Amino acid sequence: KGDETKASSVYNGLEPLRGEDIADVIHYCSSLPDHVCINDLVITPKAQANATNTFRKNR
């Protein structure tokens, strides 16, 4: 089995996205005029540069 302490510390210093964040984006996109088309949308936390690089607070 893995190390629970190590596993639980994976997200220390990171502020994850919340459901409210996604809901705000959905509301914004759904309220755009008909002539606006969102073809692609990538939502990541501000501290996440890409899938493998993050910037942690307090480190």
PDB file of N, CA and C in Angstrom:
ATOM      1  N   LYS A   1       0.838  -1.190   0.000  1.00  0.00           N
ATOM      2  CA  LYS A   1       0.000   0.000   0.000  1.00  0.00           C
ATOM      3  C   LYS A   1       0.874   1.242   0.000  1.00  0.00           C
ATOM      4  N   GLY A   2       0.288   2.343  -0.462  1.00  0.00           N
ATOM      5  CA  GLY A   2       1.022   3.600  -0.544  1.00  0.00           C
ATOM      6  C   GLY A   2       1.100   4.332   0.784  1.00  0.00           C
ATOM      7  N   ASP A   3       1.838   5.402   0.773  1.00  0.00           N
ATOM      8  CA  ASP A   3       2.022   6.250   1.947  1.00  0.00           C
ATOM      9  C   ASP A   3       0.900   7.286   1.983  1.00  0.00           C
ATOM     10  N   GLU A   4      -0.035   7.144   2.933  1.00  0.00           N
ATOM     11  CA  GLU A   4      -1.190   8.048   3.000  1.00  0.00           C
ATOM     12  C   GLU A   4      -0.787   9.490   3.258  1.00  0.00           C
ATOM     13  N   THR A   5       0.232   9.708   4.076  1.00  0.00           N
ATOM     14  CA  THR A   5       0.689  11.068   4.362  1.00  0.00           C
ATOM     15  C   THR A   5       1.222  11.725   3.100  1.00  0.00           C
ATOM     16  N   LYS A   6       2.021  10.999   2.367  1.00  0.00           N
ATOM     17  CA  LYS A   6       2.578  11.523   1.119  1.00  0.00           C
ATOM     18  C   LYS A   6       1.465  11.773   0.097  1.00  0.00           C
ATOM     19  N   ALA A   7       0.529  10.860   0.013  1.00  0.00           N
ATOM     20  CA  ALA A   7      -0.578  11.006  -0.937  1.00  0.00           C
ATOM     21  C   ALA A   7      -1.453  12.207  -0.596  1.00  0.00           C
ATOM     22  N   SER A   8      -1.699  12.442   0.684  1.00  0.00           N
ATOM     23  CA  SER A   8      -2.566  13.555   1.075  1.00  0.00           C
ATOM     24  C   SER A   8      -1.882  14.908   0.910  1.00  0.00           C
ATOM     25  N   SER A   9      -0.564  14.921   0.774  1.00  0.00           N
ATOM     26  CA  SER A   9       0.156  16.186   0.631  1.00  0.00           C
ATOM     27  C   SER A   9       0.334  16.615  -0.828  1.00  0.00           C
ATOM     28  N   VAL A  10      -0.192  15.843  -1.757  1.00  0.00           N
ATOM     29  CA  VAL A  10      -0.021  16.148  -3.181  1.00  0.00           C
ATOM     30  C   VAL A  10      -0.533  17.544  -3.526  1.00  0.00           C
ATOM     31  N   TYR A  11      -1.649  17.956  -2.933  1.00  0.00           N
ATOM     32  CA  TYR A  11      -2.255  19.240  -3.281  1.00  0.00           C
ATOM     33  C   TYR A  11      -1.955  20.352  -2.280  1.00  0.00           C
ATOM     34  N   ASN A  12      -1.046  20.122  -1.340  1.00  0.00           N
ATOM     35  CA  ASN A  12      -0.673  21.179  -0.397  1.00  0.00           C
ATOM     36  C   ASN A  12      -0.091  22.366  -1.148  1.00  0.00           C
ATOM     37  N   GLY A  13      -0.541  23.563  -0.799  1.00  0.00           N
ATOM     38  CA  GLY A  13      -0.033  24.769  -1.427  1.00  0.00           C
ATOM     39  C   GLY A  13      -0.700  25.113  -2.746  1.00  0.00           C
ATOM     40  N   LEU A  14      -1.676  24.324  -3.164  1.00  0.00           N
ATOM     41  CA  LEU A  14      -2.397  24.593  -4.408  1.00  0.00           C
ATOM     42  C   LEU A  14      -3.848  24.930  -4.095  1.00  0.00           C
ATOM     43  N   GLU A  15      -4.397  25.885  -4.813  1.00  0.00           N
ATOM     44  CA  GLU A  15      -5.820  26.194  -4.665  1.00  0.00           C
ATOM     45  C   GLU A  15      -6.548  25.566  -5.847  1.00  0.00           C
ATOM     46  N   PRO A  16      -7.302  24.513  -5.613  1.00  0.00           N
ATOM     47  CA  PRO A  16      -7.970  23.822  -6.716  1.00  0.00           C
ATOM     48  C   PRO A  16      -9.172  24.608  -7.231  1.00  0.00           C
ATOM     49  N   LEU A  17      -9.625  24.247  -8.408  1.00  0.00           N
ATOM     50  CA  LEU A  17     -10.866  24.809  -8.919  1.00  0.00           C
ATOM     51  C   LEU A  17     -12.013  24.300  -8.059  1.00  0.00           C
ATOM     52  N   ARG A  18     -13.030  25.133  -7.924  1.00  0.00           N
ATOM     53  CA  ARG A  18     -14.226  24.752  -7.170  1.00  0.00           C
ATOM     54  C   ARG A  18     -15.385  24.605  -8.146  1.00  0.00           C
ATOM     55  N   GLY A  19     -16.422  23.971  -7.715  1.00  0.00           N
ATOM     56  CA  GLY A  19     -17.607  23.832  -8.543  1.00  0.00           C
ATOM     57  C   GLY A  19     -18.152  25.185  -8.978  1.00  0.00           C
ATOM     58  N   GLU A  20     -18.059  26.171  -8.082  1.00  0.00           N
ATOM     59  CA  GLU A  20     -18.529  27.529  -8.397  1.00  0.00           C
ATOM     60  C   GLU A  20     -17.751  28.132  -9.563  1.00  0.00           C
ATOM     61  N   ASP A  21     -16.466  27.834  -9.644  1.00  0.00           N
ATOM     62  CA  ASP A  21     -15.642  28.358 -10.740  1.00  0.00           C
ATOM     63  C   ASP A  21     -16.154  27.843 -12.083  1.00  0.00           C
ATOM     64  N   ILE A  22     -16.428  26.559 -12.135  1.00  0.00           N
ATOM     65  CA  ILE A  22     -16.922  25.957 -13.370  1.00  0.00           C
ATOM     66  C   ILE A  22     -18.323  26.476 -13.686  1.00  0.00           C
ATOM     67  N   ALA A  23     -19.159  26.606 -12.662  1.00  0.00           N
ATOM     68  CA  ALA A  23     -20.512  27.129 -12.864  1.00  0.00           C
ATOM     69  C   ALA A  23     -20.470  28.546 -13.424  1.00  0.00           C
ATOM     70  N   ASP A  24     -19.548  29.373 -12.950  1.00  0.00           N
ATOM     71  CA  ASP A  24     -19.413  30.742 -13.466  1.00  0.00           C
ATOM     72  C   ASP A  24     -19.058  30.736 -14.955  1.00  0.00           C
ATOM     73  N   VAL A  25     -18.161  29.840 -15.341  1.00  0.00           N
ATOM     74  CA  VAL A  25     -17.762  29.751 -16.752  1.00  0.00           C
ATOM     75  C   VAL A  25     -18.939  29.287 -17.607  1.00  0.00           C
ATOM     76  N   ILE A  26     -19.671  28.303 -17.127  1.00  0.00           N
ATOM     77  CA  ILE A  26     -20.837  27.805 -17.869  1.00  0.00           C
ATOM     78  C   ILE A  26     -21.873  28.915 -18.024  1.00  0.00           C
ATOM     79  N   HIS A  27     -22.111  29.654 -16.962  1.00  0.00           N
ATOM     80  CA  HIS A  27     -23.075  30.759 -17.032  1.00  0.00           C
ATOM     81  C   HIS A  27     -22.621  31.803 -18.041  1.00  0.00           C
ATOM     82  N   TYR A  28     -21.356  32.163 -17.990  1.00  0.00           N
ATOM     83  CA  TYR A  28     -20.821  33.150 -18.929  1.00  0.00           C
ATOM     84  C   TYR A  28     -20.989  32.670 -20.373  1.00  0.00           C
ATOM     85  N   CYS A  29     -20.577  31.441 -20.640  1.00  0.00           N
ATOM     86  CA  CYS A  29     -20.652  30.913 -22.009  1.00  0.00           C
ATOM     87  C   CYS A  29     -22.094  30.822 -22.501  1.00  0.00           C
ATOM     88  N   SER A  30     -22.990  30.444 -21.619  1.00  0.00           N
ATOM     89  CA  SER A  30     -24.388  30.288 -22.038  1.00  0.00           C
ATOM     90  C   SER A  30     -25.100  31.625 -22.209  1.00  0.00           C
ATOM     91  N   SER A  31     -24.502  32.702 -21.715  1.00  0.00           N
ATOM     92  CA  SER A  31     -25.149  34.009 -21.847  1.00  0.00           C
ATOM     93  C   SER A  31     -24.578  34.838 -22.998  1.00  0.00           C
ATOM     94  N   LEU A  32     -23.674  34.270 -23.767  1.00  0.00           N
ATOM     95  CA  LEU A  32     -23.103  34.988 -24.907  1.00  0.00           C
ATOM     96  C   LEU A  32     -24.131  35.113 -26.031  1.00  0.00           C
ATOM     97  N   PRO A  33     -23.991  36.127 -26.877  1.00  0.00           N
ATOM     98  CA  PRO A  33     -24.910  36.267 -28.008  1.00  0.00           C
ATOM     99  C   PRO A  33     -24.814  35.060 -28.955  1.00  0.00           C
ATOM    100  N   ASP A  34     -25.858  34.849 -29.738  1.00  0.00           N
ATOM    101  CA  ASP A  34     -25.909  33.697 -30.647  1.00  0.00           C
ATOM    102  C   ASP A  34     -24.782  33.660 -31.669  1.00  0.00           C
ATOM    103  N   HIS A  35     -24.237  34.807 -32.021  1.00  0.00           N
ATOM    104  CA  HIS A  35     -23.186  34.816 -33.044  1.00  0.00           C
ATOM    105  C   HIS A  35     -21.806  34.445 -32.488  1.00  0.00           C
ATOM    106  N   VAL A  36     -21.713  34.226 -31.195  1.00  0.00           N
ATOM    107  CA  VAL A  36     -20.443  33.850 -30.563  1.00  0.00           C
ATOM    108  C   VAL A  36     -20.420  32.337 -30.366  1.00  0.00           C
ATOM    109  N   CYS A  37     -19.325  31.722 -30.806  1.00  0.00           N
ATOM    110  CA  CYS A  37     -19.178  30.268 -30.682  1.00  0.00           C
ATOM    111  C   CYS A  37     -17.905  29.961 -29.899  1.00  0.00           C
ATOM    112  N   ILE A  38     -18.038  29.226 -28.832  1.00  0.00           N
ATOM    113  CA  ILE A  38     -16.875  28.777 -28.062  1.00  0.00           C
ATOM    114  C   ILE A  38     -16.481  27.416 -28.624  1.00  0.00           C
ATOM    115  N   ASN A  39     -15.374  27.359 -29.346  1.00  0.00           N
ATOM    116  CA  ASN A  39     -14.933  26.099 -29.949  1.00  0.00           C
ATOM    117  C   ASN A  39     -14.116  25.250 -28.988  1.00  0.00           C
ATOM    118  N   ASP A  40     -13.286  25.880 -28.209  1.00  0.00           N
ATOM    119  CA  ASP A  40     -12.447  25.172 -27.242  1.00  0.00           C
ATOM    120  C   ASP A  40     -12.402  25.974 -25.954  1.00  0.00           C
ATOM    121  N   LEU A  41     -12.322  25.262 -24.856  1.00  0.00           N
ATOM    122  CA  LEU A  41     -12.237  25.925 -23.564  1.00  0.00           C
ATOM    123  C   LEU A  41     -11.429  25.030 -22.635  1.00  0.00           C
ATOM    124  N   VAL A  42     -10.335  25.556 -22.131  1.00  0.00           N
ATOM    125  CA  VAL A  42      -9.498  24.818 -21.189  1.00  0.00           C
ATOM    126  C   VAL A  42      -9.480  25.605 -19.888  1.00  0.00           C
ATOM    127  N   ILE A  43      -9.869  24.963 -18.822  1.00  0.00           N
ATOM    128  CA  ILE A  43      -9.932  25.626 -17.523  1.00  0.00           C
ATOM    129  C   ILE A  43      -8.968  24.914 -16.583  1.00  0.00           C
ATOM    130  N   THR A  44      -8.018  25.664 -16.055  1.00  0.00           N
ATOM    131  CA  THR A  44      -7.067  25.113 -15.090  1.00  0.00           C
ATOM    132  C   THR A  44      -6.919  26.099 -13.942  1.00  0.00           C
ATOM    133  N   PRO A  45      -6.494  25.630 -12.796  1.00  0.00           N
ATOM    134  CA  PRO A  45      -6.201  26.557 -11.706  1.00  0.00           C
ATOM    135  C   PRO A  45      -5.054  27.483 -12.113  1.00  0.00           C
ATOM    136  N   LYS A  46      -5.047  28.674 -11.588  1.00  0.00           N
ATOM    137  CA  LYS A  46      -4.015  29.657 -11.927  1.00  0.00           C
ATOM    138  C   LYS A  46      -2.613  29.126 -11.646  1.00  0.00           C
ATOM    139  N   ALA A  47      -2.472  28.321 -10.611  1.00  0.00           N
ATOM    140  CA  ALA A  47      -1.159  27.799 -10.230  1.00  0.00           C
ATOM    141  C   ALA A  47      -0.700  26.632 -11.098  1.00  0.00           C
ATOM    142  N   GLN A  48      -1.543  26.191 -12.027  1.00  0.00           N
ATOM    143  CA  GLN A  48      -1.185  25.049 -12.867  1.00  0.00           C
ATOM    144  C   GLN A  48      -0.801  25.546 -14.253  1.00  0.00           C
ATOM    145  N   ALA A  49       0.481  25.513 -14.554  1.00  0.00           N
ATOM    146  CA  ALA A  49       0.968  25.989 -15.844  1.00  0.00           C
ATOM    147  C   ALA A  49       0.560  25.040 -16.968  1.00  0.00           C
ATOM    148  N   ASN A  50       0.611  23.763 -16.698  1.00  0.00           N
ATOM    149  CA  ASN A  50       0.194  22.735 -17.653  1.00  0.00           C
ATOM    150  C   ASN A  50      -0.042  21.451 -16.865  1.00  0.00           C
ATOM    151  N   ALA A  51      -0.134  20.336 -17.544  1.00  0.00           N
ATOM    152  CA  ALA A  51      -0.464  19.081 -16.861  1.00  0.00           C
ATOM    153  C   ALA A  51       0.612  18.618 -15.883  1.00  0.00           C
ATOM    154  N   THR A  52       1.842  19.072 -16.069  1.00  0.00           N
ATOM    155  CA  THR A  52       2.925  18.571 -15.218  1.00  0.00           C
ATOM    156  C   THR A  52       3.609  19.636 -14.367  1.00  0.00           C
ATOM    157  N   ASN A  53       3.391  20.910 -14.631  1.00  0.00           N
ATOM    158  CA  ASN A  53       4.070  21.978 -13.889  1.00  0.00           C
ATOM    159  C   ASN A  53       3.084  22.791 -13.065  1.00  0.00           C
ATOM    160  N   THR A  54       3.394  22.935 -11.776  1.00  0.00           N
ATOM    161  CA  THR A  54       2.557  23.734 -10.887  1.00  0.00           C
ATOM    162  C   THR A  54       3.429  24.704 -10.102  1.00  0.00           C
ATOM    163  N   PHE A  55       2.808  25.742  -9.579  1.00  0.00           N
ATOM    164  CA  PHE A  55       3.491  26.732  -8.762  1.00  0.00           C
ATOM    165  C   PHE A  55       2.815  26.733  -7.398  1.00  0.00           C
ATOM    166  N   ARG A  56       3.499  26.218  -6.408  1.00  0.00           N
ATOM    167  CA  ARG A  56       2.918  26.055  -5.076  1.00  0.00           C
ATOM    168  C   ARG A  56       3.205  27.244  -4.177  1.00  0.00           C
ATOM    169  N   LYS A  57       2.231  27.585  -3.337  1.00  0.00           N
ATOM    170  CA  LYS A  57       2.417  28.600  -2.310  1.00  0.00           C
ATOM    171  C   LYS A  57       3.169  27.961  -1.150  1.00  0.00           C
ATOM    172  N   ASN A  58       3.885  28.761  -0.412  1.00  0.00           N
ATOM    173  CA  ASN A  58       4.567  28.304   0.806  1.00  0.00           C
ATOM    174  C   ASN A  58       5.628  27.243   0.544  1.00  0.00           C
ATOM    175  N   ARG A  59       6.305  27.329  -0.565  1.00  0.00           N
ATOM    176  CA  ARG A  59       7.397  26.382  -0.823  1.00  0.00           C
ATOM    177  C   ARG A  59       8.617  27.114  -1.248  1.00  0.00           C
TER     178      ARG A  59
END
